[in-house]
Protein backbone atom coordinates (compact mmCIF):
# COMPACT_ATOMS: atom_id res chain seq x y z
CA GLY A 1 -16.82 -8.49 17.60
CA GLY A 2 -19.80 -6.52 16.39
CA VAL A 3 -20.79 -5.13 13.02
CA GLY A 4 -18.17 -3.31 10.97
CA PRO A 5 -18.47 0.28 9.75
CA ALA A 6 -21.08 1.19 7.18
CA PHE A 7 -19.81 2.11 3.71
CA ALA A 8 -21.18 4.98 1.64
CA GLN A 9 -20.71 5.16 -2.14
CA LEU A 10 -18.80 8.26 -3.25
CA THR A 11 -18.56 8.03 -7.04
CA LEU A 12 -22.25 8.42 -7.85
CA SER A 13 -23.26 9.02 -11.47
CA SER A 14 -24.72 12.38 -10.44
CA VAL A 15 -21.29 13.72 -9.37
CA THR A 16 -18.85 11.70 -11.50
CA PRO A 17 -17.63 13.33 -14.75
CA SER A 18 -18.97 11.61 -17.85
CA GLU A 19 -15.43 10.96 -19.12
CA GLY A 20 -14.98 8.50 -16.30
CA ASP A 21 -18.10 6.41 -16.96
CA ALA A 22 -16.20 3.60 -18.71
CA ARG A 23 -13.09 3.91 -16.58
CA LEU A 24 -14.32 3.50 -13.02
CA ARG A 25 -12.42 0.32 -12.31
CA THR A 26 -10.45 1.70 -9.39
CA ALA A 27 -6.82 0.61 -9.22
CA SER A 28 -5.71 2.68 -6.22
CA VAL A 29 -6.90 5.50 -3.92
CA ALA A 30 -4.83 8.15 -2.10
CA VAL A 31 -5.99 10.34 0.78
CA ALA A 32 -4.12 13.48 1.82
CA ALA A 33 -2.65 13.15 5.31
CA GLY A 34 -3.46 16.76 6.16
CA SER A 35 -7.05 16.67 4.93
CA GLU A 36 -9.40 13.71 4.97
CA ARG A 37 -11.48 15.44 2.28
CA VAL A 38 -8.77 15.40 -0.44
CA PHE A 39 -8.92 12.20 -2.54
CA LEU A 40 -7.24 11.00 -5.71
CA ALA A 41 -8.13 7.76 -7.48
CA ALA A 42 -6.42 6.05 -10.41
CA VAL A 43 -9.09 4.50 -12.65
CA GLY A 44 -9.05 2.56 -15.89
CA SER A 45 -9.95 -0.71 -17.55
CA SER A 46 -6.96 -1.54 -19.76
CA GLY A 47 -3.37 -2.56 -19.19
CA SER A 48 -2.30 -0.90 -22.44
CA ALA A 49 -4.60 2.10 -22.99
CA PRO A 50 -4.24 5.33 -20.96
CA GLY A 51 -6.38 5.54 -17.84
CA GLY A 52 -7.38 8.53 -15.79
CA LEU A 53 -7.48 10.23 -12.41
CA LEU A 54 -10.57 11.14 -10.41
CA SER A 55 -9.88 13.90 -7.89
CA SER A 56 -12.00 15.47 -5.17
CA ARG A 57 -11.11 18.16 -2.63
CA ASP A 58 -14.48 18.26 -0.90
CA GLY A 59 -14.81 14.76 0.52
CA GLY A 60 -16.30 13.24 -2.62
CA THR A 61 -19.15 15.70 -3.07
CA THR A 62 -17.75 16.67 -6.48
CA TRP A 63 -15.16 15.03 -8.73
CA ALA A 64 -12.94 16.06 -11.63
CA PHE A 65 -11.56 13.68 -14.27
CA THR A 66 -8.08 14.00 -15.81
CA HIS A 67 -6.64 11.79 -18.55
CA ALA A 68 -3.47 9.97 -17.48
CA PRO A 69 -0.37 9.46 -19.66
CA PHE A 70 -0.06 5.89 -18.31
CA ALA A 71 -2.24 2.79 -18.47
CA VAL A 72 -4.48 1.90 -15.50
CA ASP A 73 -6.35 -1.39 -15.09
CA GLY A 74 -8.46 -1.62 -11.93
CA ASN A 75 -9.33 -5.25 -12.68
CA ASP A 76 -5.79 -6.47 -13.33
CA HIS A 77 -5.18 -9.88 -11.79
CA GLN A 78 -2.20 -8.46 -9.86
CA ARG A 79 -4.22 -5.61 -8.29
CA LYS A 80 -3.91 -7.12 -4.81
CA ARG A 81 -0.16 -6.46 -4.77
CA GLY A 82 -0.26 -2.99 -3.21
CA GLU A 83 -1.29 0.66 -3.38
CA ARG A 84 0.21 2.19 -6.52
CA LEU A 85 -1.02 5.74 -5.79
CA VAL A 86 0.14 7.91 -2.87
CA PHE A 87 0.32 11.55 -1.85
CA ALA A 88 3.87 12.63 -0.93
CA ASP A 89 2.78 15.77 0.91
CA ALA A 90 0.17 16.53 3.56
CA ASP A 91 -1.98 18.81 1.38
CA GLY A 92 -2.52 16.43 -1.53
CA HIS A 93 -0.60 18.31 -4.21
CA VAL A 94 2.38 15.99 -4.81
CA ALA A 95 1.30 12.53 -5.98
CA LEU A 96 3.14 9.41 -7.12
CA TYR A 97 1.77 6.55 -9.23
CA GLY A 98 3.52 3.25 -9.93
CA SER A 99 2.37 1.83 -13.25
CA ALA A 100 2.36 -1.80 -14.35
CA SER A 101 4.66 -1.36 -17.35
CA GLN A 102 5.54 2.34 -17.71
CA GLY A 103 7.49 3.03 -14.52
CA LEU A 104 6.92 5.54 -11.72
CA TRP A 105 5.15 8.88 -12.32
CA LYS A 106 4.99 12.09 -10.29
CA SER A 107 2.49 14.97 -10.25
CA ALA A 108 3.09 18.31 -8.54
CA ASN A 109 -0.45 19.63 -8.99
CA GLY A 110 -2.78 17.06 -7.49
CA GLY A 111 -2.84 14.66 -10.42
CA MET A 112 -3.49 17.09 -13.28
CA ASN A 113 -0.07 16.71 -14.97
CA TRP A 114 2.47 13.89 -14.68
CA THR A 115 6.19 13.35 -15.31
CA ARG A 116 7.89 9.97 -15.37
CA LEU A 117 10.72 9.42 -12.85
CA ASP A 118 13.36 7.63 -14.89
CA GLY A 119 15.61 6.95 -11.89
CA LEU A 120 13.51 3.95 -10.79
CA PRO A 121 13.56 0.75 -12.88
CA LYS A 122 10.27 -0.16 -14.56
CA GLY A 123 10.55 -3.83 -13.66
CA ASP A 124 8.57 -6.62 -15.24
CA PRO A 125 4.75 -6.43 -15.22
CA PRO A 126 3.06 -5.79 -12.78
CA GLY A 127 5.87 -3.21 -12.55
CA VAL A 128 5.92 -0.74 -9.65
CA VAL A 129 3.46 -2.56 -7.40
CA TRP A 130 3.41 -0.08 -4.50
CA VAL A 131 4.76 3.29 -3.45
CA ALA A 132 5.09 4.50 0.15
CA VAL A 133 6.17 7.62 2.01
CA GLY A 134 8.38 7.54 5.10
CA THR A 135 10.46 10.18 6.87
CA ALA A 136 14.16 10.83 7.25
CA THR A 137 14.10 11.10 11.05
CA ALA A 138 13.76 8.24 13.52
CA ALA A 139 11.18 10.12 15.58
CA ALA A 140 9.01 10.75 12.56
CA GLU A 141 9.39 7.15 11.33
CA SER A 142 8.24 6.00 14.75
CA ALA A 143 5.17 8.23 14.48
CA VAL A 144 4.32 6.79 11.07
CA ALA A 145 4.80 3.25 12.33
CA SER A 146 2.47 3.83 15.28
CA GLY A 147 -0.18 5.42 13.08
CA THR A 148 -0.14 8.72 15.00
CA ALA A 149 1.32 10.94 12.30
CA GLY A 150 -1.38 12.40 10.14
CA ALA A 151 -3.66 9.40 10.62
CA SER A 152 -7.07 9.84 9.03
CA PRO A 153 -10.31 8.85 10.81
CA HIS A 154 -11.52 7.24 7.59
CA VAL A 155 -10.65 4.00 5.79
CA PHE A 156 -10.99 3.99 2.00
CA LYS A 157 -11.35 1.02 -0.28
CA GLY A 158 -11.67 0.63 -4.04
CA ASN A 159 -14.03 -2.04 -5.34
CA ASN A 160 -12.23 -4.12 -7.98
CA ASN A 161 -15.30 -5.61 -9.66
CA ASN A 162 -16.77 -4.81 -13.05
CA ASN A 163 -18.65 -1.76 -11.76
CA ASN A 164 -15.79 -0.33 -9.78
CA ASN A 165 -16.60 2.61 -7.55
CA ILE A 166 -15.07 4.29 -4.53
CA HIS A 167 -16.55 3.96 -1.06
CA ALA A 168 -15.71 5.47 2.32
CA ALA A 169 -16.28 4.15 5.82
CA GLU A 170 -15.97 5.74 9.21
CA GLY A 171 -13.30 3.97 11.24
CA ARG A 172 -9.82 4.09 12.75
CA ALA A 173 -6.83 4.20 10.45
CA GLY A 174 -3.35 3.22 11.51
CA GLY A 175 -0.16 3.74 9.47
CA HIS A 176 -1.09 4.31 5.83
CA ASP A 177 0.69 4.68 2.51
CA SER A 178 -0.20 8.36 2.27
CA THR A 179 0.76 9.32 5.82
CA LEU A 180 3.51 11.96 5.86
CA ALA A 181 4.98 12.92 9.21
CA GLU A 182 6.91 16.11 9.89
CA GLY A 183 10.43 16.03 8.46
CA THR A 184 12.07 15.35 5.13
CA PRO A 185 10.10 12.68 3.25
CA SER A 186 11.76 9.49 2.10
CA LEU A 187 10.13 7.40 -0.60
CA PHE A 188 9.86 3.64 -0.93
CA ALA A 189 8.84 1.72 -4.06
CA ALA A 190 8.54 -2.00 -4.76
CA VAL A 191 9.56 -3.02 -8.29
CA TRP A 192 8.45 -6.46 -9.43
CA GLY A 193 11.40 -8.75 -10.08
CA ARG A 194 13.91 -6.29 -8.58
CA GLY A 195 13.17 -5.40 -4.94
CA VAL A 196 12.31 -2.46 -2.70
CA TYR A 197 13.99 0.87 -3.51
CA THR A 198 14.40 4.10 -1.52
CA SER A 199 14.78 7.73 -2.54
CA PHE A 200 15.70 10.77 -0.44
CA ASP A 201 15.51 13.44 -3.14
CA GLY A 202 11.86 13.38 -4.16
CA GLY A 203 12.24 10.43 -6.54
CA ASP A 204 15.06 11.64 -8.79
CA THR A 205 17.49 8.91 -7.68
CA TRP A 206 16.86 5.50 -6.09
CA SER A 207 18.88 2.80 -4.35
CA LEU A 208 18.03 -0.83 -3.66
CA LEU A 209 17.15 -1.23 0.01
CA GLY A 210 19.40 -3.82 1.64
CA GLY A 211 21.12 -4.54 -1.68
CA GLY A 212 24.24 -3.57 -3.58
CA GLU A 213 24.97 -0.94 -6.17
CA ALA A 214 26.41 -0.83 -9.67
CA ALA A 215 28.11 -4.10 -10.69
CA ASP A 216 27.10 -5.87 -7.47
CA GLN A 217 23.41 -4.98 -7.67
CA LYS A 218 22.31 -7.91 -9.85
CA LYS A 219 24.15 -10.36 -7.61
CA GLU A 220 22.61 -8.83 -4.52
CA GLU A 221 19.13 -9.05 -6.03
CA GLU A 222 19.60 -12.72 -6.86
CA GLU A 223 21.29 -13.90 -3.67
CA SER A 224 20.05 -11.67 -0.84
CA LEU A 225 16.72 -11.68 0.96
CA SER A 226 15.68 -8.58 -0.98
CA PRO A 227 11.93 -8.94 -1.61
CA ARG A 228 12.12 -9.08 -5.40
CA PHE A 229 8.46 -10.06 -5.68
CA ALA A 230 6.98 -7.80 -3.02
CA CYS A 231 3.27 -7.80 -2.33
CA ARG A 232 2.37 -5.57 0.65
CA TYR A 233 4.20 -3.73 3.41
CA ALA A 234 3.72 -2.43 6.96
CA TRP A 235 5.69 -0.16 9.30
CA MET A 236 6.83 -1.72 12.60
CA ASN A 237 8.72 0.07 15.36
CA GLU A 238 10.47 -1.63 18.24
CA ALA A 239 12.26 0.44 20.88
CA SER A 240 14.72 2.58 18.88
CA LYS A 241 14.41 0.45 15.73
CA ASN A 242 12.15 1.28 12.81
CA HIS A 243 11.30 -1.55 10.46
CA ILE A 244 9.51 -2.03 7.19
CA VAL A 245 7.93 -5.49 6.89
CA VAL A 246 7.25 -6.81 3.38
CA THR A 247 5.32 -9.85 2.18
CA THR A 248 6.21 -11.62 -1.07
CA ASN A 249 5.00 -14.55 -3.12
CA SER A 250 6.96 -16.91 -0.84
CA THR A 251 8.37 -15.03 2.19
CA VAL A 252 7.85 -12.39 4.87
CA VAL A 253 10.93 -10.21 5.47
CA ALA A 254 11.78 -7.22 7.67
CA CYS A 255 14.38 -4.48 7.33
CA ASP A 256 15.61 -2.25 10.16
CA LEU A 257 15.66 1.20 8.58
CA SER A 258 17.55 2.70 11.52
CA ALA A 259 20.56 0.39 11.08
CA PRO A 260 23.80 1.86 9.64
CA LYS A 261 23.59 -0.70 6.82
CA PRO A 262 19.97 -1.89 6.52
CA SER A 263 19.51 -5.53 5.54
CA TRP A 264 16.59 -7.91 5.22
CA VAL A 265 15.80 -10.59 7.82
CA ASP A 266 13.58 -13.57 7.05
CA ILE A 267 10.62 -13.84 9.47
CA THR A 268 8.46 -16.12 7.28
CA PRO A 269 5.78 -18.06 9.24
CA VAL A 270 5.64 -21.02 6.80
CA ALA A 271 8.29 -21.48 4.10
CA ASP A 272 7.45 -21.34 0.39
CA ALA A 273 3.89 -20.12 0.87
CA PRO A 274 2.42 -17.02 -0.81
CA TYR A 275 1.57 -14.01 1.38
CA CYS A 276 -0.37 -10.81 0.85
CA ALA A 277 -1.77 -8.46 3.50
CA VAL A 278 0.36 -7.48 6.51
CA ALA A 279 -0.23 -5.26 9.53
CA ALA A 280 1.64 -4.34 12.71
CA THR A 281 1.15 -2.57 16.01
CA PRO A 282 3.89 -0.45 17.59
CA ALA A 283 5.91 -1.87 20.41
CA THR A 284 5.56 -0.55 23.94
CA ALA A 285 7.89 -0.57 26.92
CA ALA A 286 6.20 -3.75 28.11
CA THR A 287 5.39 -5.62 24.90
CA PRO A 288 7.02 -6.13 21.49
CA PRO A 289 5.09 -5.36 18.29
CA THR A 290 2.28 -7.62 17.10
CA LEU A 291 2.33 -8.71 13.45
CA ALA A 292 -0.38 -10.30 11.31
CA VAL A 293 0.04 -11.65 7.78
CA ALA A 294 -2.52 -13.28 5.50
CA GLY A 295 -1.94 -16.11 3.08
CA ALA A 296 -2.59 -15.62 -0.63
CA SER A 297 -3.28 -19.08 -1.98
CA GLY A 298 -6.36 -17.91 -3.86
CA SER A 299 -8.77 -20.01 -1.81
CA PHE A 300 -11.77 -18.71 0.10
CA LYS A 301 -10.37 -19.78 3.47
CA GLU A 302 -6.96 -18.15 3.78
CA THR A 303 -4.63 -18.75 6.69
CA LEU A 304 -3.95 -15.86 9.06
CA HIS A 305 -0.59 -15.88 10.86
CA VAL A 306 -0.09 -13.83 14.05
CA SER A 307 3.10 -13.00 15.96
CA ILE A 308 3.22 -11.22 19.31
CA ASP A 309 7.02 -10.94 19.35
CA GLY A 310 7.79 -9.05 16.17
CA GLY A 311 8.00 -12.11 13.94
CA ALA A 312 10.24 -14.31 16.10
CA THR A 313 7.47 -16.90 16.53
CA TRP A 314 4.07 -17.34 14.91
CA SER A 315 0.68 -18.87 15.64
CA THR A 316 -1.81 -19.74 12.92
CA ASP A 317 -5.51 -18.99 12.85
CA LEU A 318 -7.15 -21.56 10.58
CA THR A 319 -10.64 -20.13 10.95
CA LYS A 320 -12.30 -18.26 8.14
CA VAL A 321 -11.76 -14.51 8.21
CA SER A 322 -14.88 -12.71 9.47
CA THR A 323 -16.65 -10.32 7.11
CA TRP A 324 -18.85 -7.24 6.97
CA ALA A 325 -21.25 -8.83 4.47
CA ALA A 326 -24.31 -7.10 5.92
CA ASP A 327 -22.72 -3.69 5.39
CA VAL A 328 -21.24 -4.36 1.94
CA PRO A 329 -24.10 -5.99 0.04
CA TRP A 330 -22.38 -5.80 -3.37
CA TRP A 331 -19.51 -8.01 -2.24
CA PRO A 332 -19.89 -11.79 -1.64
CA THR A 333 -19.02 -12.81 1.90
CA SER A 334 -16.26 -15.19 0.78
CA TRP A 335 -14.27 -12.49 -1.01
CA PHE A 336 -13.08 -11.01 2.26
CA ALA A 337 -11.22 -14.24 2.96
CA SER A 338 -9.63 -14.63 -0.48
CA SER A 339 -6.13 -13.14 -0.90
CA ALA A 340 -6.78 -10.31 1.56
CA SER A 341 -5.16 -7.06 0.41
CA ALA A 342 -5.35 -5.21 3.74
CA LEU A 343 -5.25 -5.96 7.47
CA HIS A 344 -5.39 -3.73 10.54
CA VAL A 345 -4.26 -4.83 14.00
CA ARG A 346 -5.72 -2.77 16.85
CA ALA A 347 -3.17 -1.77 19.46
CA ASP A 348 -5.68 -2.50 22.23
CA ALA A 349 -6.75 -5.90 20.87
């Protein structure tokens, strides 16, 4: 209950470079895990023309604009699918961006220069719909899943309307795309029409998570539960198991990353329904993890499904999702209940 956090606009005309004036339709925002004042935003207004990057290392007081070698469209109709931009290190120097039609890109200098990672398939548009950073150790994966590793005290959101800007709000952040715990980083990327891939060498090579390789890969993609049309993801830990939960256009699936041979398990609340946002709390000694997933039918009264046993059983909340309309005056109240792109489940709720 109560009023949500107040948002403050960051990309004011007085501090935004003039090159970005026509490109401030924000597609994705990354925040450095080691510094809540280091931001990077992918901005653009065309699915075919090159976009740009807005970067700030002082909490949004000043910004720099860099032209991107890939297209960025902050108002693309598939923008709800996931966060395309992520920092792969704690200091905000190594960044990854998944484009809609030009594959996955990597920057080693905070978004100034980019190189395409050819080891990951481009997929069909909307292409690489999200990129995430995990860790190679179970202990670190557990910390990421619980939101304790490098969690930022801020929540950031890009406004996808015609006058797209970036806003920040004080709040509590759980596990996040750009969180990087101590240990060797592992990368995850969802490729539209193919599935979720993993890399353990900084993005040079990739393998299909829960799928086959070489000649068997196409068959695995077609016949397995691999989330070929992934939308959003969440980390979920349960005892010694570390899961990634993924929503798709028709299912909700989970994969135990700590298993010798990870595979996908179907935990869909209602069959053949579209899903979008997903969130999870870590399990405790006394209780299993709590999961929440939102429907994505495109209506203004989406269904919210909740599980208190890690997806074994579900209950459905048919009430309209509450909003922060008073604090976000530029956004109609109903939009918060239409194809939600993000959820957060409080561990003490």
